Amino acid sequence: MQIVELDIKLPYEGRGKILGRLYGKVRGRIRDIHFFPPDVRGISEIRMEVIEEDASKLLSELKKIVGNGKVTSKVLSEA
């Protein structure tokens, strides 16, 4: 098990539709989540900590969902 921090940057106007699909993938494994308001360019940021066994598989699935957004990850701890 790993605790992975996901940093997701999305265009603000399409955020609601994408968030529903993201939540479906990580439901029940979210440890912490923060929503940041959009910046001047209209890019909204979401940071979440997720408990995951295979972080690379989750990251590839999330990149497909996000599309024109950006997803980065950082492993915080391993158990």
C-alpha atoms as a PDB file:
ATOM      1  CA  MET A   1       0.000   0.000   0.000  1.00  0.00           C
ATOM      2  CA  GLN A   2       1.187   3.482  -0.865  1.00  0.00           C
ATOM      3  CA  ILE A   3      -0.079   6.928  -0.019  1.00  0.00           C
ATOM      4  CA  VAL A   4       0.095   8.902  -3.254  1.00  0.00           C
ATOM      5  CA  GLU A   5      -0.420  12.644  -3.671  1.00  0.00           C
ATOM      6  CA  LEU A   6      -2.104  13.504  -6.965  1.00  0.00           C
ATOM      7  CA  ASP A   7      -1.872  17.036  -8.332  1.00  0.00           C
ATOM      8  CA  ILE A   8      -4.501  17.534 -11.039  1.00  0.00           C
ATOM      9  CA  LYS A   9      -4.798  20.713 -13.116  1.00  0.00           C
ATOM     10  CA  LEU A  10      -7.984  21.112 -15.159  1.00  0.00           C
ATOM     11  CA  PRO A  11      -9.689  23.795 -17.193  1.00  0.00           C
ATOM     12  CA  TYR A  12     -12.328  25.295 -14.909  1.00  0.00           C
ATOM     13  CA  GLU A  13     -15.228  25.102 -17.368  1.00  0.00           C
ATOM     14  CA  GLY A  14     -15.019  21.296 -17.771  1.00  0.00           C
ATOM     15  CA  ARG A  15     -14.157  20.487 -14.184  1.00  0.00           C
ATOM     16  CA  GLY A  16     -17.532  19.168 -13.023  1.00  0.00           C
ATOM     17  CA  LYS A  17     -17.856  16.485 -15.673  1.00  0.00           C
ATOM     18  CA  ILE A  18     -14.282  15.260 -15.133  1.00  0.00           C
ATOM     19  CA  LEU A  19     -14.552  15.272 -11.324  1.00  0.00           C
ATOM     20  CA  GLY A  20     -17.439  12.817 -11.405  1.00  0.00           C
ATOM     21  CA  ARG A  21     -15.407  10.338 -13.420  1.00  0.00           C
ATOM     22  CA  LEU A  22     -12.323  10.870 -11.201  1.00  0.00           C
ATOM     23  CA  TYR A  23     -14.352  10.230  -8.078  1.00  0.00           C
ATOM     24  CA  GLY A  24     -15.623   6.977  -9.558  1.00  0.00           C
ATOM     25  CA  LYS A  25     -12.030   5.731  -9.894  1.00  0.00           C
ATOM     26  CA  VAL A  26     -10.784   6.666  -6.409  1.00  0.00           C
ATOM     27  CA  ARG A  27     -13.976   6.262  -4.354  1.00  0.00           C
ATOM     28  CA  GLY A  28     -13.276   4.924  -0.863  1.00  0.00           C
ATOM     29  CA  ARG A  29      -9.506   5.434  -1.088  1.00  0.00           C
ATOM     30  CA  ILE A  30      -9.292   9.235  -0.709  1.00  0.00           C
ATOM     31  CA  ARG A  31      -7.452  10.329   2.421  1.00  0.00           C
ATOM     32  CA  ASP A  32      -7.440  14.101   1.888  1.00  0.00           C
ATOM     33  CA  ILE A  33      -8.555  16.436  -0.889  1.00  0.00           C
ATOM     34  CA  HIS A  34      -8.145  20.175  -1.553  1.00  0.00           C
ATOM     35  CA  PHE A  35      -9.790  22.248  -4.296  1.00  0.00           C
ATOM     36  CA  PHE A  36      -8.070  25.471  -5.351  1.00  0.00           C
ATOM     37  CA  PRO A  37      -9.820  28.273  -7.274  1.00  0.00           C
ATOM     38  CA  PRO A  38      -8.941  28.907 -10.918  1.00  0.00           C
ATOM     39  CA  ASP A  39      -5.969  31.089 -11.752  1.00  0.00           C
ATOM     40  CA  VAL A  40      -5.869  33.928 -14.295  1.00  0.00           C
ATOM     41  CA  ARG A  41      -5.691  31.443 -17.194  1.00  0.00           C
ATOM     42  CA  GLY A  42      -8.790  29.531 -15.946  1.00  0.00           C
ATOM     43  CA  ILE A  43      -6.890  26.470 -14.714  1.00  0.00           C
ATOM     44  CA  SER A  44      -8.248  24.912 -11.514  1.00  0.00           C
ATOM     45  CA  GLU A  45      -6.072  22.727  -9.265  1.00  0.00           C
ATOM     46  CA  ILE A  46      -7.045  19.696  -7.180  1.00  0.00           C
ATOM     47  CA  ARG A  47      -4.687  17.978  -4.745  1.00  0.00           C
ATOM     48  CA  MET A  48      -5.669  14.671  -3.252  1.00  0.00           C
ATOM     49  CA  GLU A  49      -4.023  11.985  -1.195  1.00  0.00           C
ATOM     50  CA  VAL A  50      -5.073   8.483  -2.164  1.00  0.00           C
ATOM     51  CA  ILE A  51      -4.260   5.092  -0.670  1.00  0.00           C
ATOM     52  CA  GLU A  52      -3.321   2.879  -3.622  1.00  0.00           C
ATOM     53  CA  GLU A  53      -1.562  -0.416  -4.287  1.00  0.00           C
ATOM     54  CA  ASP A  54      -0.568   0.209  -7.917  1.00  0.00           C
ATOM     55  CA  ALA A  55       0.078   3.952  -8.301  1.00  0.00           C
ATOM     56  CA  SER A  56       1.371   3.748 -11.880  1.00  0.00           C
ATOM     57  CA  LYS A  57      -1.819   2.034 -13.087  1.00  0.00           C
ATOM     58  CA  LEU A  58      -3.990   4.630 -11.331  1.00  0.00           C
ATOM     59  CA  LEU A  59      -1.942   7.463 -12.820  1.00  0.00           C
ATOM     60  CA  SER A  60      -2.337   6.131 -16.378  1.00  0.00           C
ATOM     61  CA  GLU A  61      -6.114   5.735 -15.916  1.00  0.00           C
ATOM     62  CA  LEU A  62      -6.447   9.267 -14.538  1.00  0.00           C
ATOM     63  CA  LYS A  63      -4.458  10.739 -17.429  1.00  0.00           C
ATOM     64  CA  LYS A  64      -6.972   9.189 -19.845  1.00  0.00           C
ATOM     65  CA  ILE A  65      -9.889  10.699 -17.917  1.00  0.00           C
ATOM     66  CA  VAL A  66      -8.377  14.178 -17.546  1.00  0.00           C
ATOM     67  CA  GLY A  67      -7.576  14.520 -21.241  1.00  0.00           C
ATOM     68  CA  ASN A  68      -6.254  18.038 -21.852  1.00  0.00           C
ATOM     69  CA  GLY A  69      -5.479  18.608 -18.146  1.00  0.00           C
ATOM     70  CA  LYS A  70      -2.314  17.625 -16.316  1.00  0.00           C
ATOM     71  CA  VAL A  71      -1.818  14.922 -13.667  1.00  0.00           C
ATOM     72  CA  THR A  72       1.328  14.519 -11.575  1.00  0.00           C
ATOM     73  CA  SER A  73       1.920  12.207  -8.653  1.00  0.00           C
ATOM     74  CA  LYS A  74       4.264  11.863  -5.720  1.00  0.00           C
ATOM     75  CA  VAL A  75       4.541   8.868  -3.392  1.00  0.00           C
ATOM     76  CA  LEU A  76       4.353  10.114   0.189  1.00  0.00           C
ATOM     77  CA  SER A  77       4.810   6.812   2.020  1.00  0.00           C
ATOM     78  CA  GLU A  78       4.931   3.088   1.454  1.00  0.00           C
ATOM     79  CA  ALA A  79       3.584   0.467   3.788  1.00  0.00           C
END
